[in-house]
């Protein structure tokens, strides 16, 4: 069955159509599921709740535009169809970004405890977060996500374009069987985040973001392939088990700035950038694990394969014990068959003394950026093993690995690599 939001009273224009769109979703749900159609046109909305067996389908030329008032994203608190009970003590115990009903988890599209849900867009369909300013939000300016999905399974996201998300574009937590394909993200903050998710596929997506394009931790059985990433932060800020990043094109500097350094006045105005904003692509891969979720399995078997990386400051960073890397360290990662050009910082390996890292670089070409020919290639401590196999270096005055603690270093067919022991 199909349910067109226009048949439920939705109108094109500047007025919010939240109630009409939600009524279409609810009717679809109560009748066993189907498609809720967003036709061509501009429809403004506050927070919507997507329910089991419902597909939100955006036709070509459909624009779903979020409200610029953060108070318009809280209707879920009064949901009588599938009531949700906000528990302030539970939020305090878990933290607002780890509690699904918190203000931090507000979104244009929210799903909680749902199965078989989808957001599908035809070409030239858009969802716009309008950089909604929230002085009570994260960092006292971030507003709602575009999507916030908690405790769901069988999730399909496909075909649409997201822009100017006030926080993360797609935030997916404690969920499984997730497919995200042919999605483009412009500006905003993170592109797509997974936390404690299983069986994930991200394919043929383009992320041009101010913050991390692909992020998350405690994720298992993840494939991210055939994607483009461009950012002013970390390209892949990730942790998990059995993870493959394949055929990724990553390049800097960023088309969109990181907005965190804007003045309060400019953030409130929705400004995108000024001279204070950074645009450099900081790290291609940064290992991520904080204490907002229990790490269920040893973080290992992460493979980065057939990637083309250009003008990124740093290829790899593991800085255990610092800020967003304080839970459980990474045990094993492999870079294979990649082209890396114009790096300007050394790879940083600082693992856990009790759970040390093994890293392999195989069939890699890597060049230093002009003016940065004297950087060390790797600075490492608390590592189990570093393996370089068939690595080709260009534009380095000297290829040096600085080992600050003991560990095995294997160099095969990779030119003259100097190992400096500082322990």
Protein backbone atom coordinates (compact mmCIF):
# COMPACT_ATOMS: atom_id res chain seq x y z
CA UNK A 1 0.00 0.00 0.00
CA UNK A 2 1.11 3.58 -0.71
CA UNK A 3 0.16 6.62 1.33
CA UNK A 4 0.85 10.06 -0.15
CA UNK A 5 1.38 12.73 2.50
CA UNK A 6 -0.67 15.18 0.43
CA UNK A 7 -3.73 12.99 1.02
CA UNK A 8 -3.22 13.53 4.74
CA UNK A 9 -3.16 17.31 4.48
CA UNK A 10 0.50 18.06 3.77
CA UNK A 11 1.13 21.26 1.80
CA UNK A 12 4.12 22.75 0.04
CA UNK A 13 5.37 25.93 1.72
CA UNK A 14 6.99 27.42 4.80
CA UNK A 15 4.61 26.03 7.42
CA UNK A 16 5.46 22.85 9.30
CA UNK A 17 3.78 19.71 7.97
CA UNK A 18 4.92 17.44 10.79
CA UNK A 19 1.43 16.33 11.85
CA UNK A 20 0.28 15.45 8.33
CA UNK A 21 3.43 13.50 7.52
CA UNK A 22 3.32 11.65 10.85
CA UNK A 23 -0.34 10.81 10.28
CA UNK A 24 0.57 9.19 6.95
CA UNK A 25 3.34 7.17 8.65
CA UNK A 26 1.03 6.08 11.47
CA UNK A 27 -1.76 5.04 9.11
CA UNK A 28 0.69 3.03 7.03
CA UNK A 29 1.99 1.33 10.17
CA UNK A 30 -1.48 0.52 11.51
CA UNK A 31 -2.45 -1.05 8.18
CA UNK A 32 0.50 -3.42 8.21
CA UNK A 33 3.11 -1.32 6.46
CA UNK A 34 3.94 0.01 3.01
CA UNK A 35 5.25 3.22 1.45
CA UNK A 36 4.73 6.77 2.63
CA UNK A 37 5.28 9.00 -0.40
CA UNK A 38 6.91 12.43 -0.20
CA UNK A 39 6.06 13.93 -3.61
CA UNK A 40 7.92 16.62 -5.53
CA UNK A 41 7.96 19.88 -3.63
CA UNK A 42 9.27 21.50 -0.45
CA UNK A 43 7.79 20.14 2.77
CA UNK A 44 8.93 21.49 6.13
CA UNK A 45 8.86 19.30 9.18
CA UNK A 46 9.89 18.84 12.76
CA UNK A 47 10.73 15.45 14.22
CA UNK A 48 9.08 12.39 12.67
CA UNK A 49 8.96 8.85 14.04
CA UNK A 50 9.45 6.06 11.51
CA UNK A 51 7.75 2.79 12.47
CA UNK A 52 8.09 -0.90 11.66
CA UNK A 53 7.40 -2.03 8.10
CA UNK A 54 7.22 1.55 6.82
CA UNK A 55 9.27 2.95 3.94
CA UNK A 56 9.56 6.72 3.69
CA UNK A 57 9.87 7.24 -0.08
CA UNK A 58 11.02 10.56 -1.55
CA UNK A 59 10.14 11.19 -5.17
CA UNK A 60 12.51 13.04 -7.48
CA UNK A 61 12.33 16.73 -6.63
CA UNK A 62 11.11 16.08 -3.07
CA UNK A 63 12.69 18.32 -0.43
CA UNK A 64 12.09 17.41 3.21
CA UNK A 65 13.32 20.49 5.08
CA UNK A 66 13.84 20.44 8.82
CA UNK A 67 12.58 23.13 11.16
CA UNK A 68 15.08 25.71 12.40
CA UNK A 69 13.48 25.55 15.86
CA UNK A 70 15.01 22.76 17.99
CA UNK A 71 11.85 22.52 20.08
CA UNK A 72 10.02 21.10 17.03
CA UNK A 73 11.82 17.74 17.40
CA UNK A 74 10.32 16.51 20.67
CA UNK A 75 6.87 15.18 19.69
CA UNK A 76 8.05 11.58 20.26
CA UNK A 77 7.78 12.23 24.01
CA UNK A 78 3.98 12.39 23.64
CA UNK A 79 3.70 9.47 21.20
CA UNK A 80 0.51 7.60 22.13
CA UNK A 81 0.70 4.99 19.38
CA UNK A 82 3.97 3.46 20.61
CA UNK A 83 4.68 5.26 23.89
CA UNK A 84 8.24 5.99 24.92
CA UNK A 85 8.98 6.79 28.53
CA UNK A 86 11.73 9.28 29.19
CA UNK A 87 13.74 8.43 32.30
CA UNK A 88 15.87 11.31 33.51
CA UNK A 89 17.80 9.13 35.95
CA UNK A 90 18.61 6.63 33.20
CA UNK A 91 19.79 9.43 30.92
CA UNK A 92 22.00 10.77 33.70
CA UNK A 93 23.46 7.33 34.31
CA UNK A 94 24.17 6.53 30.66
CA UNK A 95 24.88 10.01 29.31
CA UNK A 96 22.74 11.87 26.81
CA UNK A 97 24.51 10.57 23.71
CA UNK A 98 24.05 6.99 24.94
CA UNK A 99 20.38 7.32 25.86
CA UNK A 100 17.97 6.99 22.90
CA UNK A 101 15.34 9.42 24.16
CA UNK A 102 17.63 12.31 24.99
CA UNK A 103 17.61 15.71 23.35
CA UNK A 104 21.00 14.84 21.85
CA UNK A 105 19.26 12.06 19.86
CA UNK A 106 16.62 14.35 18.37
CA UNK A 107 16.30 14.04 14.60
CA UNK A 108 14.20 14.83 11.57
CA UNK A 109 13.64 11.07 11.25
CA UNK A 110 13.76 9.00 14.44
CA UNK A 111 13.23 5.24 14.79
CA UNK A 112 13.24 3.30 18.06
CA UNK A 113 12.61 -0.45 18.46
CA UNK A 114 11.49 -0.83 14.85
CA UNK A 115 11.94 -3.59 12.27
CA UNK A 116 12.00 -3.52 8.49
CA UNK A 117 12.27 0.24 8.02
CA UNK A 118 13.55 2.20 5.06
CA UNK A 119 14.20 5.69 3.76
CA UNK A 120 14.46 5.60 -0.04
CA UNK A 121 15.01 8.56 -2.34
CA UNK A 122 14.85 8.89 -6.07
CA UNK A 123 17.50 10.97 -7.83
CA UNK A 124 17.29 14.67 -6.87
CA UNK A 125 15.55 14.02 -3.56
CA UNK A 126 16.88 15.88 -0.53
CA UNK A 127 16.62 16.02 3.25
CA UNK A 128 17.97 19.28 4.68
CA UNK A 129 18.90 19.78 8.35
CA UNK A 130 19.23 23.59 7.90
CA UNK A 131 22.08 23.70 10.47
CA UNK A 132 19.37 23.98 13.13
CA UNK A 133 20.96 25.85 16.04
CA UNK A 134 20.35 24.55 19.56
CA UNK A 135 21.96 26.42 22.42
CA UNK A 136 21.09 23.45 24.65
CA UNK A 137 22.64 20.97 22.25
CA UNK A 138 26.09 19.42 21.95
CA UNK A 139 28.84 22.04 22.23
CA UNK A 140 26.01 24.55 22.79
CA UNK A 141 25.16 24.82 19.11
CA UNK A 142 24.55 21.43 17.50
CA UNK A 143 20.91 20.63 16.87
CA UNK A 144 19.15 17.45 15.74
CA UNK A 145 20.57 14.74 13.53
CA UNK A 146 18.87 14.11 10.23
CA UNK A 147 18.34 10.46 11.24
CA UNK A 148 18.57 8.86 14.68
CA UNK A 149 17.97 5.09 14.71
CA UNK A 150 18.10 3.04 17.92
CA UNK A 151 17.56 -0.67 18.63
CA UNK A 152 16.29 -1.45 15.14
CA UNK A 153 16.88 -4.21 12.63
CA UNK A 154 16.57 -4.62 8.87
CA UNK A 155 17.26 -1.01 7.90
CA UNK A 156 17.53 0.19 4.29
CA UNK A 157 18.74 3.69 3.40
CA UNK A 158 19.18 4.50 -0.26
CA UNK A 159 19.33 7.09 -3.02
CA UNK A 160 18.77 10.47 -1.34
CA UNK A 161 20.99 13.48 -0.66
CA UNK A 162 21.45 14.91 2.84
CA UNK A 163 22.70 18.42 3.50
CA UNK A 164 23.49 20.77 6.38
CA UNK A 165 22.75 18.35 9.18
CA UNK A 166 22.79 20.16 12.51
CA UNK A 167 24.61 17.19 14.03
CA UNK A 168 25.34 13.79 12.47
CA UNK A 169 23.54 13.06 9.22
CA UNK A 170 22.81 9.39 10.03
CA UNK A 171 23.25 8.14 13.62
CA UNK A 172 22.59 4.41 14.03
CA UNK A 173 22.93 2.65 17.39
CA UNK A 174 22.43 -0.88 18.78
CA UNK A 175 21.04 -2.09 15.46
CA UNK A 176 21.66 -4.82 12.91
CA UNK A 177 21.22 -5.69 9.24
CA UNK A 178 21.85 -2.21 7.87
CA UNK A 179 22.27 -1.22 4.23
CA UNK A 180 23.16 2.32 3.12
CA UNK A 181 23.63 2.76 -0.63
CA UNK A 182 23.93 5.55 -3.18
CA UNK A 183 23.66 8.35 -0.63
CA UNK A 184 25.33 11.76 -0.91
CA UNK A 185 26.05 13.91 2.13
CA UNK A 186 26.98 17.58 1.90
CA UNK A 187 28.30 19.64 4.83
CA UNK A 188 26.92 19.20 8.33
CA UNK A 189 28.87 17.14 10.84
CA UNK A 190 29.49 13.35 10.65
CA UNK A 191 28.18 11.52 7.62
CA UNK A 192 27.16 8.12 9.00
CA UNK A 193 27.85 6.74 12.49
CA UNK A 194 27.38 3.24 13.84
CA UNK A 195 27.70 2.25 17.48
CA UNK A 196 27.22 -1.36 18.57
CA UNK A 197 25.88 -2.44 15.19
CA UNK A 198 26.16 -5.76 13.33
CA UNK A 199 26.02 -6.70 9.67
CA UNK A 200 26.51 -3.32 8.02
CA UNK A 201 26.97 -2.42 4.35
CA UNK A 202 27.78 1.10 3.12
CA UNK A 203 28.18 1.20 -0.65
CA UNK A 204 28.50 3.77 -3.44
CA UNK A 205 28.11 6.74 -1.11
CA UNK A 206 29.71 10.18 -1.30
CA UNK A 207 30.56 12.08 1.85
CA UNK A 208 31.63 15.73 1.66
CA UNK A 209 31.45 16.66 5.31
CA UNK A 210 32.92 19.05 7.85
CA UNK A 211 33.29 16.26 10.40
CA UNK A 212 33.97 12.50 10.15
CA UNK A 213 32.35 10.88 7.08
CA UNK A 214 32.25 7.32 8.49
CA UNK A 215 32.52 6.79 12.23
CA UNK A 216 31.65 4.52 15.12
CA UNK A 217 32.89 1.69 17.33
CA UNK A 218 31.94 -1.72 18.70
CA UNK A 219 30.69 -2.75 15.26
CA UNK A 220 30.95 -6.23 13.78
CA UNK A 221 30.84 -7.52 10.19
CA UNK A 222 31.05 -4.18 8.41
CA UNK A 223 31.75 -3.45 4.72
CA UNK A 224 32.29 0.08 3.42
CA UNK A 225 33.15 0.09 -0.27
CA UNK A 226 33.15 2.17 -3.44
CA UNK A 227 32.76 5.44 -1.54
CA UNK A 228 34.18 8.97 -1.80
CA UNK A 229 35.21 10.81 1.38
CA UNK A 230 36.28 14.43 1.77
CA UNK A 231 36.42 16.07 5.19
CA UNK A 232 38.00 18.59 7.52
CA UNK A 233 38.41 15.91 10.19
CA UNK A 234 38.98 12.12 10.18
CA UNK A 235 37.94 10.18 7.11
CA UNK A 236 37.34 6.86 8.86
CA UNK A 237 37.08 7.13 12.65
CA UNK A 238 36.18 3.59 13.44
CA UNK A 239 36.49 0.57 15.68
CA UNK A 240 35.18 -2.95 15.45
CA UNK A 241 35.76 -6.52 14.42
CA UNK A 242 35.75 -7.99 10.91
CA UNK A 243 35.65 -4.65 9.09
CA UNK A 244 36.54 -4.00 5.44
CA UNK A 245 37.06 -0.59 3.83
CA UNK A 246 37.53 -1.14 0.10
CA UNK A 247 37.82 1.06 -2.98
CA UNK A 248 37.64 4.31 -1.05
CA UNK A 249 38.67 7.56 -2.73
CA UNK A 250 39.77 10.07 -0.09
CA UNK A 251 41.10 13.54 -0.80
CA UNK A 252 41.70 16.90 0.86
CA UNK A 253 41.37 19.71 1.52
CA UNK A 254 37.73 19.63 2.53
CA UNK A 255 35.00 21.20 0.41
CA UNK A 256 33.19 22.04 3.64
CA UNK A 257 34.71 23.45 6.82
CA UNK A 258 34.53 22.17 10.36
CA UNK A 259 32.14 24.64 11.98
CA UNK A 260 33.28 24.17 15.59
CA UNK A 261 35.49 27.27 15.66
CA UNK A 262 32.80 29.65 14.39
CA UNK A 263 31.67 32.35 16.78
CA UNK A 264 28.40 31.78 18.66
CA UNK A 265 26.77 34.47 16.55
CA UNK A 266 27.79 32.81 13.29
CA UNK A 267 26.74 29.36 14.49
CA UNK A 268 23.34 30.77 15.40
CA UNK A 269 23.00 32.36 11.98
CA UNK A 270 23.66 29.03 10.26
CA UNK A 271 26.91 30.26 8.72
CA UNK A 272 28.95 27.54 7.04
CA UNK A 273 32.47 28.90 7.36
CA UNK A 274 34.84 31.79 7.98
CA UNK A 275 38.60 32.24 8.23
CA UNK A 276 38.73 30.48 11.64
CA UNK A 277 37.48 27.16 10.29
CA UNK A 278 39.87 24.36 9.41
CA UNK A 279 39.66 22.56 6.07
CA UNK A 280 42.60 20.16 6.15
CA UNK A 281 41.81 16.43 5.96
CA UNK A 282 43.43 15.42 9.26
CA UNK A 283 43.61 11.60 9.37
CA UNK A 284 42.53 8.97 6.88
CA UNK A 285 41.95 6.32 9.57
CA UNK A 286 41.71 7.07 13.29
CA UNK A 287 40.94 4.28 15.71
CA UNK A 288 37.93 5.11 17.86
CA UNK A 289 36.62 3.62 21.11
CA UNK A 290 35.16 5.53 24.01
CA UNK A 291 33.20 4.51 27.08
CA UNK A 292 29.66 5.05 25.81
CA UNK A 293 29.38 1.38 24.90
CA UNK A 294 30.84 -1.90 26.10
CA UNK A 295 33.30 -3.37 23.59
CA UNK A 296 31.84 -6.82 22.91
CA UNK A 297 34.72 -8.43 20.98
CA UNK A 298 38.45 -7.86 20.49
CA UNK A 299 38.84 -4.97 18.00
CA UNK A 300 40.72 -6.66 15.16
CA UNK A 301 40.60 -7.83 11.56
CA UNK A 302 40.19 -4.35 10.12
CA UNK A 303 41.31 -4.25 6.47
CA UNK A 304 41.78 -1.19 4.29
CA UNK A 305 42.14 -2.28 0.68
CA UNK A 306 42.45 -0.71 -2.78
CA UNK A 307 42.10 2.85 -1.53
CA UNK A 308 43.27 6.04 -3.27
CA UNK A 309 44.29 8.65 -0.69
CA UNK A 310 45.54 12.11 -1.58
CA UNK A 311 46.47 15.22 0.41
CA UNK A 312 45.54 13.77 3.79
CA UNK A 313 47.75 14.87 6.71
CA UNK A 314 48.12 11.45 8.29
CA UNK A 315 47.41 7.92 7.06
CA UNK A 316 46.81 6.22 10.42
CA UNK A 317 46.40 7.27 14.04
CA UNK A 318 46.02 5.17 17.18
CA UNK A 319 46.42 7.31 20.30
CA UNK A 320 45.12 5.08 23.07
CA UNK A 321 44.20 6.76 26.33
CA UNK A 322 43.43 10.15 24.78
CA UNK A 323 39.89 11.58 24.52
CA UNK A 324 37.92 9.39 22.06
CA UNK A 325 40.21 6.38 22.42
CA UNK A 326 39.89 5.27 26.05
CA UNK A 327 37.94 2.02 26.11
CA UNK A 328 39.72 -0.92 24.47
CA UNK A 329 42.61 -0.61 22.05
CA UNK A 330 42.93 -1.97 18.51
CA UNK A 331 44.74 -5.30 18.13
CA UNK A 332 45.16 -5.72 14.37
CA UNK A 333 44.80 -3.74 11.13
CA UNK A 334 46.02 -4.20 7.54
CA UNK A 335 46.51 -1.70 4.72
CA UNK A 336 46.77 -3.44 1.35
CA UNK A 337 47.05 -2.36 -2.30
CA UNK A 338 46.64 1.36 -1.59
CA UNK A 339 48.02 4.53 -3.18
CA UNK A 340 48.82 7.27 -0.68
CA UNK A 341 50.03 10.69 -1.85
CA UNK A 342 51.04 13.92 -0.16
CA UNK A 343 51.03 13.07 3.54
CA UNK A 344 52.47 15.65 5.94
CA UNK A 345 52.54 13.88 9.33
CA UNK A 346 53.91 10.61 10.68
CA UNK A 347 51.72 7.62 11.36
CA UNK A 348 51.10 7.51 15.10
CA UNK A 349 50.88 4.21 16.95
CA UNK A 350 50.32 4.43 20.68
CA UNK A 351 48.62 1.25 21.77
CA UNK A 352 47.62 -0.25 25.08
CA UNK A 353 50.43 -1.85 27.08
CA UNK A 354 48.17 -4.84 27.73
CA UNK A 355 46.67 -5.16 24.23
CA UNK A 356 49.26 -4.16 21.68
CA UNK A 357 48.73 -3.43 18.00
CA UNK A 358 49.91 -5.44 15.00
CA UNK A 359 49.82 -3.43 11.76
CA UNK A 360 50.67 -4.57 8.23
CA UNK A 361 51.25 -2.41 5.15
CA UNK A 362 51.44 -4.48 1.98
CA UNK A 363 51.72 -3.37 -1.64
CA UNK A 364 51.48 0.30 -0.74
CA UNK A 365 52.90 3.35 -2.48
CA UNK A 366 53.24 6.41 -0.28
CA UNK A 367 54.66 9.88 -0.85
CA UNK A 368 55.42 12.83 1.43
CA UNK A 369 53.96 16.21 0.61
CA UNK A 370 56.33 18.83 -0.73
CA UNK A 371 57.91 20.62 2.22
CA UNK A 372 57.41 17.63 4.55
CA UNK A 373 60.14 15.35 3.23
CA UNK A 374 61.78 15.02 6.68
CA UNK A 375 58.84 13.62 8.62
CA UNK A 376 59.24 10.26 10.32
CA UNK A 377 57.18 7.59 8.61
CA UNK A 378 56.00 5.94 11.85
CA UNK A 379 56.33 6.78 15.54
CA UNK A 380 55.27 3.81 17.63
CA UNK A 381 54.93 2.56 21.18
CA UNK A 382 53.06 -0.33 22.75
CA UNK A 383 52.95 -2.31 19.53
CA UNK A 384 53.25 -6.04 18.93
CA UNK A 385 54.35 -6.01 15.30
CA UNK A 386 54.88 -3.63 12.37
CA UNK A 387 55.17 -5.25 8.94
CA UNK A 388 56.15 -3.41 5.76
CA UNK A 389 55.95 -5.60 2.67
CA UNK A 390 56.41 -4.21 -0.84
CA UNK A 391 56.03 -0.60 0.27
CA UNK A 392 57.27 2.04 -2.18
CA UNK A 393 58.31 5.41 -0.71
CA UNK A 394 58.55 8.66 -2.65
CA UNK A 395 59.75 12.15 -1.66
CA UNK A 396 61.05 11.12 1.77
CA UNK A 397 64.56 12.31 2.55
CA UNK A 398 64.81 9.37 4.94
CA UNK A 399 62.29 6.66 5.78
CA UNK A 400 62.39 6.22 9.54
CA UNK A 401 60.42 4.18 12.05
CA UNK A 402 60.86 5.49 15.58
CA UNK A 403 60.17 2.72 18.11
CA UNK A 404 59.66 4.02 21.65
CA UNK A 405 59.03 0.56 23.11
CA UNK A 406 60.08 -2.92 22.10
CA UNK A 407 58.18 -4.69 19.33
CA UNK A 408 58.82 -6.75 16.21
CA UNK A 409 59.49 -4.76 13.03
CA UNK A 410 59.62 -6.65 9.70
CA UNK A 411 60.66 -4.89 6.49
CA UNK A 412 60.48 -6.81 3.20
CA UNK A 413 61.19 -5.35 -0.24
CA UNK A 414 60.52 -1.81 0.99
CA UNK A 415 63.81 0.01 0.36
CA UNK A 416 66.07 1.43 3.00
CA UNK A 417 64.05 1.85 6.16
CA UNK A 418 65.87 3.15 9.23
CA UNK A 419 64.69 1.88 12.60
CA UNK A 420 65.48 4.13 15.53
CA UNK A 421 65.05 2.59 18.97
CA UNK A 422 64.34 5.11 21.71
CA UNK A 423 63.69 2.77 24.61
